[in-house]
Protein backbone atom coordinates (compact mmCIF):
# COMPACT_ATOMS: atom_id res chain seq x y z
CA UNK A 1 16.57 15.22 -9.09
CA UNK A 2 17.24 14.04 -5.60
CA UNK A 3 16.05 10.50 -4.64
CA UNK A 4 13.77 9.87 -1.64
CA UNK A 5 15.51 8.68 1.47
CA UNK A 6 15.20 5.08 2.65
CA UNK A 7 12.98 6.14 5.53
CA UNK A 8 10.52 7.92 3.25
CA UNK A 9 10.26 4.96 0.87
CA UNK A 10 9.82 2.58 3.86
CA UNK A 11 7.09 4.82 5.33
CA UNK A 12 5.41 5.02 1.91
CA UNK A 13 5.53 1.36 1.33
CA UNK A 14 4.16 0.61 5.02
CA UNK A 15 1.28 2.97 4.41
CA UNK A 16 0.46 1.38 1.13
CA UNK A 17 0.76 -2.00 2.65
CA UNK A 18 -1.86 -1.15 5.45
CA UNK A 19 -4.24 0.26 2.79
CA UNK A 20 -3.81 -2.72 0.64
CA UNK A 21 -4.54 -5.10 3.71
CA UNK A 22 -7.66 -3.18 4.56
CA UNK A 23 -9.01 -3.30 1.15
CA UNK A 24 -8.15 -7.03 0.78
CA UNK A 25 -9.90 -8.13 3.96
CA UNK A 26 -13.01 -6.38 2.77
CA UNK A 27 -13.36 -7.77 -0.73
CA UNK A 28 -14.24 -11.29 -1.71
CA UNK A 29 -17.23 -13.59 -2.30
CA UNK A 30 -18.51 -12.30 1.05
CA UNK A 31 -18.09 -8.62 0.97
CA UNK A 32 -17.61 -7.03 4.36
CA UNK A 33 -18.11 -3.36 5.13
CA UNK A 34 -15.47 -1.44 7.11
CA UNK A 35 -17.93 -0.84 9.87
CA UNK A 36 -18.49 -4.59 10.23
CA UNK A 37 -14.70 -5.25 10.24
CA UNK A 38 -14.04 -2.77 12.90
CA UNK A 39 -17.03 -4.01 14.79
CA UNK A 40 -15.73 -7.62 14.70
CA UNK A 41 -12.25 -6.46 15.87
CA UNK A 42 -13.71 -4.49 18.72
CA UNK A 43 -15.79 -7.40 19.82
CA UNK A 44 -12.63 -9.58 19.77
CA UNK A 45 -10.92 -7.08 21.95
CA UNK A 46 -13.82 -7.60 24.57
CA UNK A 47 -15.43 -4.21 24.08
CA UNK A 48 -18.99 -3.32 23.19
CA UNK A 49 -19.86 -2.39 19.52
CA UNK A 50 -22.81 -0.93 17.75
CA UNK A 51 -21.97 -2.54 14.41
CA UNK A 52 -24.32 -5.15 13.13
CA UNK A 53 -22.91 -8.42 11.62
CA UNK A 54 -23.76 -12.09 11.53
CA UNK A 55 -21.94 -15.03 12.89
CA UNK A 56 -21.12 -16.22 9.51
CA UNK A 57 -19.66 -12.82 8.59
CA UNK A 58 -17.54 -12.89 11.82
CA UNK A 59 -16.28 -16.36 11.03
CA UNK A 60 -15.37 -15.47 7.33
CA UNK A 61 -13.42 -12.45 8.55
CA UNK A 62 -11.64 -14.16 11.44
CA UNK A 63 -10.94 -17.64 10.12
CA UNK A 64 -10.81 -17.14 6.33
CA UNK A 65 -10.16 -13.58 5.12
CA UNK A 66 -7.81 -12.23 7.85
CA UNK A 67 -5.46 -15.16 7.97
CA UNK A 68 -5.44 -15.21 4.16
CA UNK A 69 -4.23 -11.72 3.75
CA UNK A 70 -1.78 -11.90 6.46
CA UNK A 71 -0.30 -15.10 5.05
CA UNK A 72 -0.24 -13.55 1.54
CA UNK A 73 1.79 -10.59 2.93
CA UNK A 74 4.24 -12.99 4.60
CA UNK A 75 4.73 -15.15 1.54
CA UNK A 76 5.24 -12.10 -0.58
CA UNK A 77 7.76 -10.71 1.78
CA UNK A 78 9.67 -14.11 1.89
CA UNK A 79 9.87 -14.60 -1.81
CA UNK A 80 10.85 -11.05 -2.48
CA UNK A 81 13.66 -11.09 0.15
CA UNK A 82 14.78 -14.41 -1.27
CA UNK A 83 14.88 -12.91 -4.68
CA UNK A 84 17.00 -9.88 -3.46
CA UNK A 85 19.45 -12.35 -1.90
CA UNK A 86 19.86 -14.54 -4.92
CA UNK A 87 20.22 -11.64 -7.28
CA UNK A 88 22.93 -10.23 -5.11
CA UNK A 89 24.71 -13.59 -4.72
CA UNK A 90 24.69 -14.05 -8.47
CA UNK A 91 25.33 -10.36 -9.09
CA UNK A 92 22.54 -10.46 -11.79
CA UNK A 93 19.03 -8.70 -11.55
CA UNK A 94 17.25 -11.46 -13.61
CA UNK A 95 17.76 -14.28 -11.22
CA UNK A 96 14.77 -15.62 -9.28
CA UNK A 97 14.57 -17.68 -6.07
CA UNK A 98 13.53 -20.93 -7.66
CA UNK A 99 16.78 -20.94 -9.72
CA UNK A 100 18.48 -23.43 -7.42
CA UNK A 101 15.62 -25.95 -7.42
CA UNK A 102 13.80 -24.92 -4.28
CA UNK A 103 10.39 -24.24 -5.79
CA UNK A 104 10.24 -27.25 -8.16
CA UNK A 105 11.59 -29.50 -5.35
CA UNK A 106 8.82 -28.48 -3.06
CA UNK A 107 6.31 -29.00 -5.99
CA UNK A 108 7.62 -32.59 -6.22
CA UNK A 109 7.24 -33.15 -2.58
CA UNK A 110 3.63 -31.82 -2.60
CA UNK A 111 2.77 -34.05 -5.72
CA UNK A 112 4.02 -37.08 -3.79
CA UNK A 113 1.71 -36.40 -0.88
CA UNK A 114 -1.29 -35.64 -3.15
CA UNK A 115 -0.89 -39.00 -4.75
CA UNK A 116 0.07 -41.16 -1.82
CA UNK A 117 -2.20 -39.45 0.78
CA UNK A 118 -2.14 -40.18 4.42
CA UNK A 119 -0.92 -43.81 3.84
CA UNK A 120 2.72 -42.65 3.97
CA UNK A 121 2.18 -41.63 7.69
CA UNK A 122 1.26 -45.21 8.64
CA UNK A 123 0.06 -45.40 12.13
CA UNK A 124 0.65 -41.67 12.76
CA UNK A 125 -1.77 -40.57 9.97
CA UNK A 126 -4.33 -39.00 12.18
CA UNK A 127 -1.65 -36.89 13.98
CA UNK A 128 0.62 -36.01 11.14
CA UNK A 129 -2.13 -35.74 8.46
CA UNK A 130 -2.61 -31.87 8.29
CA UNK A 131 1.25 -31.37 8.36
CA UNK A 132 2.25 -34.00 5.63
CA UNK A 133 1.97 -31.41 2.67
CA UNK A 134 4.20 -28.74 4.44
CA UNK A 135 6.66 -31.32 5.71
CA UNK A 136 7.21 -33.05 2.38
CA UNK A 137 7.05 -29.85 0.40
CA UNK A 138 9.80 -28.36 2.60
CA UNK A 139 11.85 -31.58 2.44
CA UNK A 140 11.62 -31.60 -1.36
CA UNK A 141 12.76 -28.13 -1.73
CA UNK A 142 15.50 -28.43 0.74
CA UNK A 143 16.75 -31.67 -0.88
CA UNK A 144 16.70 -30.18 -4.33
CA UNK A 145 18.69 -27.03 -3.18
CA UNK A 146 21.30 -29.13 -1.33
CA UNK A 147 21.81 -31.35 -4.49
CA UNK A 148 22.42 -28.16 -6.56
CA UNK A 149 24.78 -26.83 -3.93
CA UNK A 150 26.78 -30.04 -3.69
CA UNK A 151 27.11 -30.29 -7.47
CA UNK A 152 28.26 -26.62 -7.64
CA UNK A 153 30.84 -27.14 -4.85
CA UNK A 154 33.88 -28.08 -6.85
CA UNK A 155 36.99 -28.75 -4.68
CA UNK A 156 35.52 -26.87 -1.82
CA UNK A 157 34.71 -23.84 -3.78
CA UNK A 158 31.20 -22.95 -5.08
CA UNK A 159 31.14 -22.13 -8.62
CA UNK A 160 28.23 -19.82 -9.48
CA UNK A 161 27.99 -20.75 -13.21
CA UNK A 162 27.95 -24.36 -12.30
CA UNK A 163 25.19 -23.71 -9.70
CA UNK A 164 23.03 -22.18 -12.49
CA UNK A 165 23.54 -25.25 -14.82
CA UNK A 166 22.91 -27.69 -11.96
CA UNK A 167 19.75 -25.74 -10.99
CA UNK A 168 18.50 -26.04 -14.55
CA UNK A 169 19.09 -29.74 -14.47
CA UNK A 170 17.59 -30.43 -10.98
CA UNK A 171 14.68 -28.14 -11.89
CA UNK A 172 14.08 -30.27 -15.03
CA UNK A 173 14.27 -33.62 -12.94
CA UNK A 174 11.92 -32.25 -10.30
CA UNK A 175 9.34 -31.08 -12.90
CA UNK A 176 9.60 -34.37 -14.52
CA UNK A 177 8.84 -36.11 -11.24
CA UNK A 178 5.89 -33.87 -10.64
CA UNK A 179 4.68 -34.63 -14.17
CA UNK A 180 4.94 -38.37 -13.47
CA UNK A 181 2.82 -37.99 -10.31
CA UNK A 182 0.26 -36.10 -12.21
CA UNK A 183 0.12 -38.72 -14.88
CA UNK A 184 -0.50 -41.61 -12.41
CA UNK A 185 -2.82 -39.60 -10.16
CA UNK A 186 -6.56 -39.92 -10.26
CA UNK A 187 -8.60 -36.93 -11.42
CA UNK A 188 -9.12 -35.19 -8.08
CA UNK A 189 -5.48 -35.69 -7.15
CA UNK A 190 -4.25 -34.39 -10.57
CA UNK A 191 -6.40 -31.25 -10.27
CA UNK A 192 -4.94 -30.64 -6.72
CA UNK A 193 -1.40 -30.97 -8.11
CA UNK A 194 -2.21 -28.58 -10.97
CA UNK A 195 -3.84 -26.11 -8.84
CA UNK A 196 -1.16 -26.23 -6.16
CA UNK A 197 1.64 -25.82 -8.86
CA UNK A 198 -0.26 -22.51 -9.94
CA UNK A 199 -0.17 -21.15 -6.28
CA UNK A 200 -3.19 -20.56 -3.95
CA UNK A 201 -3.99 -19.01 -0.57
CA UNK A 202 -7.26 -20.77 -0.36
CA UNK A 203 -5.90 -23.10 2.39
CA UNK A 204 -4.65 -20.23 4.64
CA UNK A 205 -5.21 -20.65 8.39
CA UNK A 206 -3.68 -19.28 11.56
CA UNK A 207 -1.25 -22.29 11.90
CA UNK A 208 0.12 -21.38 8.44
CA UNK A 209 0.39 -17.70 9.51
CA UNK A 210 2.41 -18.71 12.49
CA UNK A 211 4.70 -20.96 10.70
CA UNK A 212 5.35 -18.53 7.72
CA UNK A 213 5.50 -15.66 10.16
CA UNK A 214 8.28 -17.17 12.19
CA UNK A 215 10.28 -18.26 9.08
CA UNK A 216 9.80 -14.87 7.40
CA UNK A 217 10.97 -12.89 10.60
CA UNK A 218 14.05 -15.15 11.12
CA UNK A 219 14.93 -15.09 7.39
CA UNK A 220 14.69 -11.26 7.24
CA UNK A 221 16.78 -10.78 10.30
CA UNK A 222 19.46 -13.28 9.14
CA UNK A 223 19.40 -11.65 5.60
CA UNK A 224 20.06 -8.07 7.26
CA UNK A 225 23.18 -9.65 8.89
CA UNK A 226 24.46 -10.61 5.42
CA UNK A 227 23.63 -7.17 3.77
CA UNK A 228 27.04 -5.57 4.10
CA UNK A 229 28.89 -8.80 2.90
CA UNK A 230 26.57 -9.05 -0.16
CA UNK A 231 27.28 -5.40 -0.95
CA UNK A 232 31.00 -6.29 -1.06
CA UNK A 233 30.40 -9.33 -3.09
CA UNK A 234 28.73 -7.23 -5.93
CA UNK A 235 32.26 -5.90 -6.50
CA UNK A 236 33.47 -9.50 -7.34
CA UNK A 237 34.56 -12.30 -5.23
CA UNK A 238 38.32 -11.47 -5.19
CA UNK A 239 37.49 -7.82 -4.23
CA UNK A 240 35.17 -9.06 -1.48
CA UNK A 241 37.89 -11.34 -0.24
CA UNK A 242 40.34 -8.30 -0.04
CA UNK A 243 37.68 -6.66 2.18
CA UNK A 244 37.62 -9.47 4.60
CA UNK A 245 34.55 -11.37 3.33
CA UNK A 246 34.56 -15.09 3.56
CA UNK A 247 32.91 -15.62 0.15
CA UNK A 248 32.48 -19.40 0.43
CA UNK A 249 30.89 -19.12 3.79
CA UNK A 250 28.66 -16.24 2.56
CA UNK A 251 27.46 -18.29 -0.27
CA UNK A 252 26.47 -21.20 2.01
CA UNK A 253 24.57 -18.87 4.33
CA UNK A 254 22.72 -17.22 1.55
CA UNK A 255 21.86 -20.47 -0.06
CA UNK A 256 20.43 -21.86 3.30
CA UNK A 257 18.39 -18.75 4.08
CA UNK A 258 17.00 -18.70 0.58
CA UNK A 259 16.12 -22.34 0.87
CA UNK A 260 14.41 -21.67 4.25
CA UNK A 261 12.38 -18.74 3.11
CA UNK A 262 11.21 -20.21 -0.20
CA UNK A 263 10.53 -23.71 1.02
CA UNK A 264 8.67 -22.60 4.02
CA UNK A 265 6.38 -20.23 1.87
CA UNK A 266 5.97 -22.59 -1.11
CA UNK A 267 5.08 -25.54 1.23
CA UNK A 268 1.92 -23.83 2.28
CA UNK A 269 0.67 -21.94 -0.78
CA UNK A 270 2.24 -23.70 -3.81
CA UNK A 271 4.47 -22.31 -6.43
CA UNK A 272 4.25 -18.53 -7.15
CA UNK A 273 6.62 -17.33 -9.79
CA UNK A 274 7.96 -13.90 -10.68
CA UNK A 275 7.41 -12.03 -7.35
CA UNK A 276 10.87 -12.67 -6.10
CA UNK A 277 12.27 -11.69 -9.67
CA UNK A 278 10.56 -8.27 -10.23
CA UNK A 279 10.23 -6.85 -6.73
CA UNK A 280 13.98 -6.20 -6.07
CA UNK A 281 14.52 -4.92 -9.60
CA UNK A 282 11.68 -2.42 -9.11
CA UNK A 283 13.39 -1.22 -5.87
CA UNK A 284 16.63 -0.74 -7.64
CA UNK A 285 15.05 1.47 -10.11
CA UNK A 286 13.37 3.54 -7.36
CA UNK A 287 16.51 4.03 -5.14
CA UNK A 288 19.63 1.83 -5.12
CA UNK A 289 21.22 -1.59 -5.06
CA UNK A 290 22.19 -1.48 -1.37
CA UNK A 291 21.13 -4.71 0.06
CA UNK A 292 20.28 -3.10 3.35
CA UNK A 293 17.63 -1.18 1.49
CA UNK A 294 16.55 -3.95 -0.79
CA UNK A 295 15.93 -6.61 2.04
CA UNK A 296 13.45 -4.30 4.03
CA UNK A 297 12.07 -2.73 0.92
CA UNK A 298 11.41 -6.12 -0.74
CA UNK A 299 9.62 -7.40 2.20
CA UNK A 300 7.20 -4.54 2.22
CA UNK A 301 6.72 -4.23 -1.62
CA UNK A 302 6.56 -8.08 -1.91
CA UNK A 303 3.73 -8.19 0.63
CA UNK A 304 1.82 -5.48 -1.24
CA UNK A 305 2.13 -7.07 -4.71
CA UNK A 306 1.15 -10.61 -3.58
CA UNK A 307 -1.82 -9.26 -1.66
CA UNK A 308 -3.04 -7.27 -4.84
CA UNK A 309 -2.53 -10.30 -6.94
CA UNK A 310 -4.52 -12.40 -4.42
CA UNK A 311 -7.31 -9.65 -4.45
CA UNK A 312 -7.47 -9.94 -8.27
CA UNK A 313 -7.63 -13.73 -7.96
CA UNK A 314 -10.59 -13.64 -5.53
CA UNK A 315 -12.68 -11.02 -7.59
CA UNK A 316 -11.77 -12.05 -11.24
CA UNK A 317 -14.21 -15.06 -11.28
CA UNK A 318 -15.95 -14.66 -8.05
CA UNK A 319 -17.31 -16.69 -6.20
CA UNK A 320 -14.69 -19.08 -7.69
CA UNK A 321 -10.98 -18.38 -7.31
CA UNK A 322 -8.42 -17.68 -9.99
CA UNK A 323 -4.81 -19.22 -9.42
CA UNK A 324 -2.41 -16.53 -8.25
CA UNK A 325 0.46 -17.97 -10.25
CA UNK A 326 -1.46 -17.20 -13.47
CA UNK A 327 -1.76 -13.62 -12.41
CA UNK A 328 1.87 -13.10 -11.39
CA UNK A 329 2.93 -14.87 -14.61
CA UNK A 330 0.96 -12.56 -16.83
CA UNK A 331 2.27 -9.60 -15.02
CA UNK A 332 5.76 -10.87 -14.36
CA UNK A 333 6.70 -12.33 -17.70
CA UNK A 334 6.46 -8.96 -19.62
CA UNK A 335 8.44 -7.26 -16.80
CA UNK A 336 11.00 -10.02 -17.00
CA UNK A 337 11.55 -9.57 -20.76
CA UNK A 338 11.85 -5.91 -20.20
CA UNK A 339 14.52 -6.49 -17.54
CA UNK A 340 16.28 -9.08 -19.82
CA UNK A 341 16.51 -6.39 -22.60
CA UNK A 342 17.50 -3.62 -20.37
CA UNK A 343 20.17 -5.75 -18.65
CA UNK A 344 21.74 -6.80 -21.87
CA UNK A 345 22.04 -3.06 -22.98
CA UNK A 346 23.66 -2.21 -19.72
CA UNK A 347 26.26 -4.90 -20.17
CA UNK A 348 27.02 -3.81 -23.65
CA UNK A 349 27.58 -0.28 -22.28
CA UNK A 350 29.60 -1.44 -19.26
CA UNK A 351 26.76 -0.79 -16.74
CA UNK A 352 26.44 -1.68 -13.05
CA UNK A 353 26.11 -5.42 -13.67
CA UNK A 354 28.68 -5.85 -16.51
């Protein structure tokens, strides 16, 4: 059976993403009809509309619902592209973006802000207040990743196995730090830390959309430039070297862009697991392991999956909100176990990742 072309898959995913976005902006605690949504958009374009909607509905759509679904799509794309990069770097389909400590480091930085509050900004508290959480979350993720990278960089050469072990240790230390802040925090602060660690898009706004939009676009463009080199790396480090790939430089670039994508996304929405793990694997089953395909396909499919997860989170216990991380964990964990068993069988048979 002939597989679908890349263009066909991209087109199908793009159409599915648009449909998902339209459904997602309509459904929630305040349900909006498509007539009202189109009427609001027409009004914003400065044209007359016959649709009837209240000021509250207009503000819910423009200031809450629309930035939320766009941010969800961008975060899903970032995490999925990061997952594709890390799986290619480690040549293993069961690796996820947080393996090198980025997510847990971001969680530690966020927990620090929740406990300490605006006092850490001193005289600049009023100016820096809204940006403290993303700044410290990004700094925590970046610092944790750099520690893992330095520990794995033995005698100027990055050892992938050492990086995995260092990532486990740094993740444990960061999780311990987050647990400490949860222990010393007051009840409202502890609840904020817990809820943030489970992932949420409830704080989405247009500033967040702008920040993650820029980081996602830059990350995808940079990732596409590394796609051919990552394809060569899947043959093995020595073989890639024979093909002219500077493997050490490639590892550094991939680690940096992974940190950039994950830390920027995590700093605004919290820790969301399994999206970066399962999306690239699903695309490999659909078509191939070519990173040029995986990067673009992961961005589209990741945006779809995270928006669907957020849609479920908003309607499952409406008008309250269910943490996205719990939904992705319930779906992602069984998929991960299937991947683990499938990958073990392939290695025993001398499969692609053997």
